[in-house]
Amino acid sequence: MLTGLRDLTTAEQRASLSTLLDDEWHRIVKYGLGISDTATMDEVTTAMERHLRSQRNVILDRREFYTRNQETDELFDEYLIALKEISQFCDFCTSCSE
């Protein structure tokens, strides 16, 4: 884990991220996401997450939701949070999410 990463400048944070990306992700970030050179790390990671989410299929997300079981040592609250997190991507109606 990088110590003090949040204390680095945006340029330094982006350089650190760049060292972790493979060639495909470099191309996606540089040419496919429309991220400006002055974008913050939050903007960069949000754009990356949005790109990844667009690659997923809602059916796969629903399958993940319906097959998610509580682990043996997992607290109920942790399990519930995990389900709510997964459900965000399932396109459930508002009343169904609850």
N, C-alpha and C. Protein backbone atom coordinates (compact mmCIF):
# COMPACT_ATOMS: atom_id res chain seq x y z
N MET A 1 0.85 -1.17 0.00
CA MET A 1 0.00 0.00 0.00
C MET A 1 0.90 1.24 0.00
N LEU A 2 0.54 2.19 -0.82
CA LEU A 2 1.35 3.40 -0.91
C LEU A 2 1.07 4.31 0.27
N THR A 3 2.11 4.68 0.98
CA THR A 3 1.97 5.57 2.12
C THR A 3 1.91 7.00 1.63
N GLY A 4 0.93 7.74 2.10
CA GLY A 4 0.83 9.14 1.75
C GLY A 4 0.37 9.43 0.34
N LEU A 5 -0.27 8.48 -0.30
CA LEU A 5 -0.70 8.67 -1.69
C LEU A 5 -1.62 9.87 -1.83
N ARG A 6 -2.51 10.06 -0.87
CA ARG A 6 -3.45 11.19 -0.92
C ARG A 6 -2.74 12.54 -0.80
N ASP A 7 -1.53 12.53 -0.24
CA ASP A 7 -0.77 13.77 -0.06
C ASP A 7 -0.01 14.18 -1.31
N LEU A 8 0.07 13.29 -2.29
CA LEU A 8 0.79 13.60 -3.53
C LEU A 8 -0.05 14.53 -4.40
N THR A 9 0.61 15.20 -5.32
CA THR A 9 -0.11 16.05 -6.27
C THR A 9 -0.92 15.15 -7.19
N THR A 10 -1.87 15.74 -7.89
CA THR A 10 -2.69 14.97 -8.83
C THR A 10 -1.81 14.31 -9.88
N ALA A 11 -0.84 15.03 -10.38
CA ALA A 11 0.07 14.47 -11.39
C ALA A 11 0.82 13.27 -10.84
N GLU A 12 1.28 13.36 -9.60
CA GLU A 12 2.00 12.24 -8.99
C GLU A 12 1.06 11.06 -8.74
N GLN A 13 -0.17 11.33 -8.33
CA GLN A 13 -1.14 10.26 -8.12
C GLN A 13 -1.44 9.55 -9.44
N ARG A 14 -1.61 10.34 -10.50
CA ARG A 14 -1.89 9.74 -11.81
C ARG A 14 -0.71 8.94 -12.31
N ALA A 15 0.51 9.40 -12.03
CA ALA A 15 1.71 8.66 -12.41
C ALA A 15 1.77 7.34 -11.66
N SER A 16 1.40 7.36 -10.38
CA SER A 16 1.38 6.12 -9.59
C SER A 16 0.36 5.14 -10.15
N LEU A 17 -0.82 5.66 -10.50
CA LEU A 17 -1.84 4.80 -11.10
C LEU A 17 -1.34 4.22 -12.41
N SER A 18 -0.68 5.04 -13.19
CA SER A 18 -0.19 4.62 -14.50
C SER A 18 0.78 3.44 -14.40
N THR A 19 1.57 3.38 -13.33
CA THR A 19 2.51 2.28 -13.17
C THR A 19 1.80 0.95 -12.92
N LEU A 20 0.54 1.02 -12.49
CA LEU A 20 -0.22 -0.19 -12.18
C LEU A 20 -1.03 -0.72 -13.36
N LEU A 21 -1.19 0.09 -14.40
CA LEU A 21 -2.04 -0.27 -15.52
C LEU A 21 -1.29 -1.04 -16.59
N ASP A 22 -1.97 -2.00 -17.19
CA ASP A 22 -1.37 -2.70 -18.33
C ASP A 22 -1.58 -1.86 -19.60
N ASP A 23 -1.05 -2.34 -20.73
CA ASP A 23 -1.12 -1.58 -21.99
C ASP A 23 -2.55 -1.28 -22.42
N GLU A 24 -3.44 -2.26 -22.25
CA GLU A 24 -4.83 -2.06 -22.66
C GLU A 24 -5.48 -0.92 -21.86
N TRP A 25 -5.27 -0.94 -20.54
CA TRP A 25 -5.85 0.11 -19.71
C TRP A 25 -5.23 1.47 -20.00
N HIS A 26 -3.93 1.50 -20.34
CA HIS A 26 -3.31 2.77 -20.72
C HIS A 26 -4.03 3.37 -21.92
N ARG A 27 -4.32 2.53 -22.91
CA ARG A 27 -5.03 2.99 -24.11
C ARG A 27 -6.45 3.44 -23.76
N ILE A 28 -7.12 2.68 -22.93
CA ILE A 28 -8.50 3.04 -22.55
C ILE A 28 -8.52 4.38 -21.84
N VAL A 29 -7.64 4.56 -20.86
CA VAL A 29 -7.61 5.80 -20.09
C VAL A 29 -7.22 6.98 -20.98
N LYS A 30 -6.22 6.76 -21.83
CA LYS A 30 -5.71 7.86 -22.65
C LYS A 30 -6.66 8.25 -23.78
N TYR A 31 -7.25 7.25 -24.45
CA TYR A 31 -8.03 7.54 -25.65
C TYR A 31 -9.53 7.26 -25.53
N GLY A 32 -9.92 6.40 -24.62
CA GLY A 32 -11.31 5.95 -24.61
C GLY A 32 -12.23 6.59 -23.60
N LEU A 33 -11.68 7.21 -22.58
CA LEU A 33 -12.52 7.71 -21.50
C LEU A 33 -12.76 9.21 -21.54
N GLY A 34 -12.04 9.91 -22.39
CA GLY A 34 -12.22 11.35 -22.50
C GLY A 34 -11.83 12.11 -21.24
N ILE A 35 -10.80 11.64 -20.56
CA ILE A 35 -10.34 12.26 -19.33
C ILE A 35 -9.31 13.33 -19.68
N SER A 36 -9.51 14.52 -19.14
CA SER A 36 -8.54 15.60 -19.40
C SER A 36 -7.27 15.36 -18.59
N ASP A 37 -6.19 16.01 -19.01
CA ASP A 37 -4.91 15.87 -18.31
C ASP A 37 -4.94 16.50 -16.92
N THR A 38 -5.92 17.34 -16.67
CA THR A 38 -6.03 18.01 -15.38
C THR A 38 -7.09 17.37 -14.46
N ALA A 39 -7.65 16.26 -14.89
CA ALA A 39 -8.70 15.59 -14.09
C ALA A 39 -8.13 15.11 -12.76
N THR A 40 -8.96 15.17 -11.74
CA THR A 40 -8.57 14.67 -10.42
C THR A 40 -8.59 13.15 -10.42
N MET A 41 -8.00 12.57 -9.39
CA MET A 41 -8.00 11.10 -9.28
C MET A 41 -9.42 10.58 -9.11
N ASP A 42 -10.27 11.31 -8.41
CA ASP A 42 -11.66 10.88 -8.26
C ASP A 42 -12.34 10.83 -9.62
N GLU A 43 -12.08 11.82 -10.46
CA GLU A 43 -12.67 11.83 -11.81
C GLU A 43 -12.13 10.69 -12.65
N VAL A 44 -10.84 10.40 -12.52
CA VAL A 44 -10.23 9.31 -13.27
C VAL A 44 -10.82 7.97 -12.84
N THR A 45 -10.87 7.73 -11.51
CA THR A 45 -11.39 6.44 -11.05
C THR A 45 -12.88 6.30 -11.33
N THR A 46 -13.63 7.39 -11.26
CA THR A 46 -15.05 7.34 -11.59
C THR A 46 -15.24 6.97 -13.06
N ALA A 47 -14.44 7.57 -13.94
CA ALA A 47 -14.53 7.25 -15.36
C ALA A 47 -14.15 5.79 -15.62
N MET A 48 -13.15 5.30 -14.92
CA MET A 48 -12.74 3.90 -15.07
C MET A 48 -13.85 2.96 -14.59
N GLU A 49 -14.44 3.27 -13.44
CA GLU A 49 -15.53 2.44 -12.92
C GLU A 49 -16.72 2.45 -13.86
N ARG A 50 -17.05 3.63 -14.40
CA ARG A 50 -18.17 3.73 -15.33
C ARG A 50 -17.91 2.88 -16.58
N HIS A 51 -16.67 2.90 -17.05
CA HIS A 51 -16.30 2.08 -18.21
C HIS A 51 -16.46 0.59 -17.90
N LEU A 52 -15.97 0.18 -16.74
CA LEU A 52 -16.09 -1.23 -16.35
C LEU A 52 -17.55 -1.64 -16.20
N ARG A 53 -18.35 -0.78 -15.57
CA ARG A 53 -19.77 -1.10 -15.40
C ARG A 53 -20.47 -1.23 -16.74
N SER A 54 -20.07 -0.43 -17.71
CA SER A 54 -20.72 -0.50 -19.03
C SER A 54 -20.39 -1.81 -19.74
N GLN A 55 -19.33 -2.45 -19.31
CA GLN A 55 -18.93 -3.72 -19.92
C GLN A 55 -19.67 -4.91 -19.33
N ARG A 56 -20.34 -4.70 -18.19
CA ARG A 56 -21.05 -5.78 -17.52
C ARG A 56 -22.46 -5.92 -18.06
N ASN A 57 -23.00 -7.06 -17.84
CA ASN A 57 -24.35 -7.38 -18.26
C ASN A 57 -25.23 -7.43 -17.01
N VAL A 58 -26.40 -6.81 -17.06
CA VAL A 58 -27.30 -6.77 -15.91
C VAL A 58 -27.69 -8.19 -15.47
N ILE A 59 -27.75 -9.11 -16.39
CA ILE A 59 -28.08 -10.50 -16.05
C ILE A 59 -26.99 -11.10 -15.16
N LEU A 60 -25.72 -10.80 -15.48
CA LEU A 60 -24.63 -11.29 -14.64
C LEU A 60 -24.67 -10.66 -13.25
N ASP A 61 -25.02 -9.37 -13.21
CA ASP A 61 -25.13 -8.70 -11.91
C ASP A 61 -26.25 -9.31 -11.08
N ARG A 62 -27.37 -9.61 -11.71
CA ARG A 62 -28.48 -10.23 -10.98
C ARG A 62 -28.12 -11.63 -10.53
N ARG A 63 -27.39 -12.35 -11.35
CA ARG A 63 -26.94 -13.69 -10.96
C ARG A 63 -26.05 -13.59 -9.73
N GLU A 64 -25.14 -12.61 -9.73
CA GLU A 64 -24.27 -12.41 -8.57
C GLU A 64 -25.10 -12.10 -7.33
N PHE A 65 -26.15 -11.29 -7.48
CA PHE A 65 -27.03 -10.95 -6.36
C PHE A 65 -27.73 -12.19 -5.83
N TYR A 66 -28.35 -12.95 -6.73
CA TYR A 66 -29.15 -14.10 -6.29
C TYR A 66 -28.32 -15.26 -5.76
N THR A 67 -27.06 -15.33 -6.14
CA THR A 67 -26.22 -16.44 -5.68
C THR A 67 -25.33 -16.05 -4.50
N ARG A 68 -25.39 -14.79 -4.08
CA ARG A 68 -24.57 -14.32 -2.95
C ARG A 68 -25.14 -14.89 -1.66
N ASN A 69 -24.34 -15.70 -0.98
CA ASN A 69 -24.74 -16.30 0.29
C ASN A 69 -23.90 -15.71 1.42
N GLN A 70 -24.48 -15.71 2.60
CA GLN A 70 -23.75 -15.23 3.77
C GLN A 70 -22.68 -16.24 4.13
N GLU A 71 -21.44 -15.75 4.29
CA GLU A 71 -20.33 -16.63 4.65
C GLU A 71 -20.46 -17.05 6.12
N THR A 72 -19.82 -18.13 6.48
CA THR A 72 -19.93 -18.69 7.82
C THR A 72 -19.61 -17.68 8.91
N ASP A 73 -18.51 -16.95 8.79
CA ASP A 73 -18.10 -16.00 9.83
C ASP A 73 -18.50 -14.56 9.51
N GLU A 74 -19.31 -14.37 8.50
CA GLU A 74 -19.69 -13.03 8.09
C GLU A 74 -20.86 -12.52 8.95
N LEU A 75 -20.70 -11.31 9.47
CA LEU A 75 -21.79 -10.70 10.23
C LEU A 75 -22.95 -10.38 9.30
N PHE A 76 -24.16 -10.38 9.84
CA PHE A 76 -25.33 -10.10 9.01
C PHE A 76 -25.24 -8.72 8.38
N ASP A 77 -24.80 -7.72 9.16
CA ASP A 77 -24.69 -6.37 8.62
C ASP A 77 -23.75 -6.30 7.43
N GLU A 78 -22.64 -7.05 7.49
CA GLU A 78 -21.69 -7.08 6.37
C GLU A 78 -22.34 -7.72 5.15
N TYR A 79 -23.08 -8.79 5.39
CA TYR A 79 -23.80 -9.49 4.31
C TYR A 79 -24.83 -8.57 3.67
N LEU A 80 -25.60 -7.86 4.49
CA LEU A 80 -26.62 -6.95 3.98
C LEU A 80 -25.99 -5.82 3.17
N ILE A 81 -24.90 -5.28 3.65
CA ILE A 81 -24.19 -4.22 2.91
C ILE A 81 -23.73 -4.75 1.56
N ALA A 82 -23.19 -5.96 1.53
CA ALA A 82 -22.73 -6.56 0.27
C ALA A 82 -23.89 -6.72 -0.71
N LEU A 83 -25.03 -7.17 -0.21
CA LEU A 83 -26.21 -7.32 -1.07
C LEU A 83 -26.68 -5.98 -1.63
N LYS A 84 -26.70 -4.97 -0.77
CA LYS A 84 -27.12 -3.64 -1.23
C LYS A 84 -26.15 -3.10 -2.27
N GLU A 85 -24.88 -3.36 -2.07
CA GLU A 85 -23.86 -2.91 -3.02
C GLU A 85 -24.06 -3.59 -4.38
N ILE A 86 -24.25 -4.88 -4.37
CA ILE A 86 -24.48 -5.62 -5.61
C ILE A 86 -25.77 -5.16 -6.29
N SER A 87 -26.81 -4.92 -5.50
CA SER A 87 -28.12 -4.58 -6.06
C SER A 87 -28.11 -3.25 -6.81
N GLN A 88 -27.16 -2.37 -6.50
CA GLN A 88 -27.07 -1.09 -7.20
C GLN A 88 -26.91 -1.27 -8.71
N PHE A 89 -26.34 -2.38 -9.13
CA PHE A 89 -26.03 -2.60 -10.54
C PHE A 89 -27.01 -3.55 -11.21
N CYS A 90 -28.07 -3.94 -10.49
CA CYS A 90 -29.00 -4.94 -11.01
C CYS A 90 -30.21 -4.36 -11.74
N ASP A 91 -30.34 -3.06 -11.77
CA ASP A 91 -31.50 -2.40 -12.40
C ASP A 91 -32.82 -2.85 -11.78
N PHE A 92 -32.83 -3.09 -10.49
CA PHE A 92 -34.07 -3.39 -9.80
C PHE A 92 -34.88 -2.11 -9.66
N CYS A 93 -36.21 -2.23 -9.60
CA CYS A 93 -37.04 -1.05 -9.33
C CYS A 93 -36.76 -0.59 -7.90
N THR A 94 -37.13 0.63 -7.58
CA THR A 94 -36.84 1.20 -6.27
C THR A 94 -37.42 0.37 -5.14
N SER A 95 -38.66 -0.05 -5.26
CA SER A 95 -39.28 -0.85 -4.19
C SER A 95 -38.66 -2.25 -4.12
N CYS A 96 -38.17 -2.77 -5.24
CA CYS A 96 -37.55 -4.10 -5.25
C CYS A 96 -36.20 -4.07 -4.53
N SER A 97 -35.48 -2.95 -4.66
CA SER A 97 -34.17 -2.83 -4.02
C SER A 97 -34.29 -2.91 -2.52
N GLU A 98 -35.33 -2.32 -1.99
CA GLU A 98 -35.52 -2.36 -0.54
C GLU A 98 -35.90 -3.76 -0.10
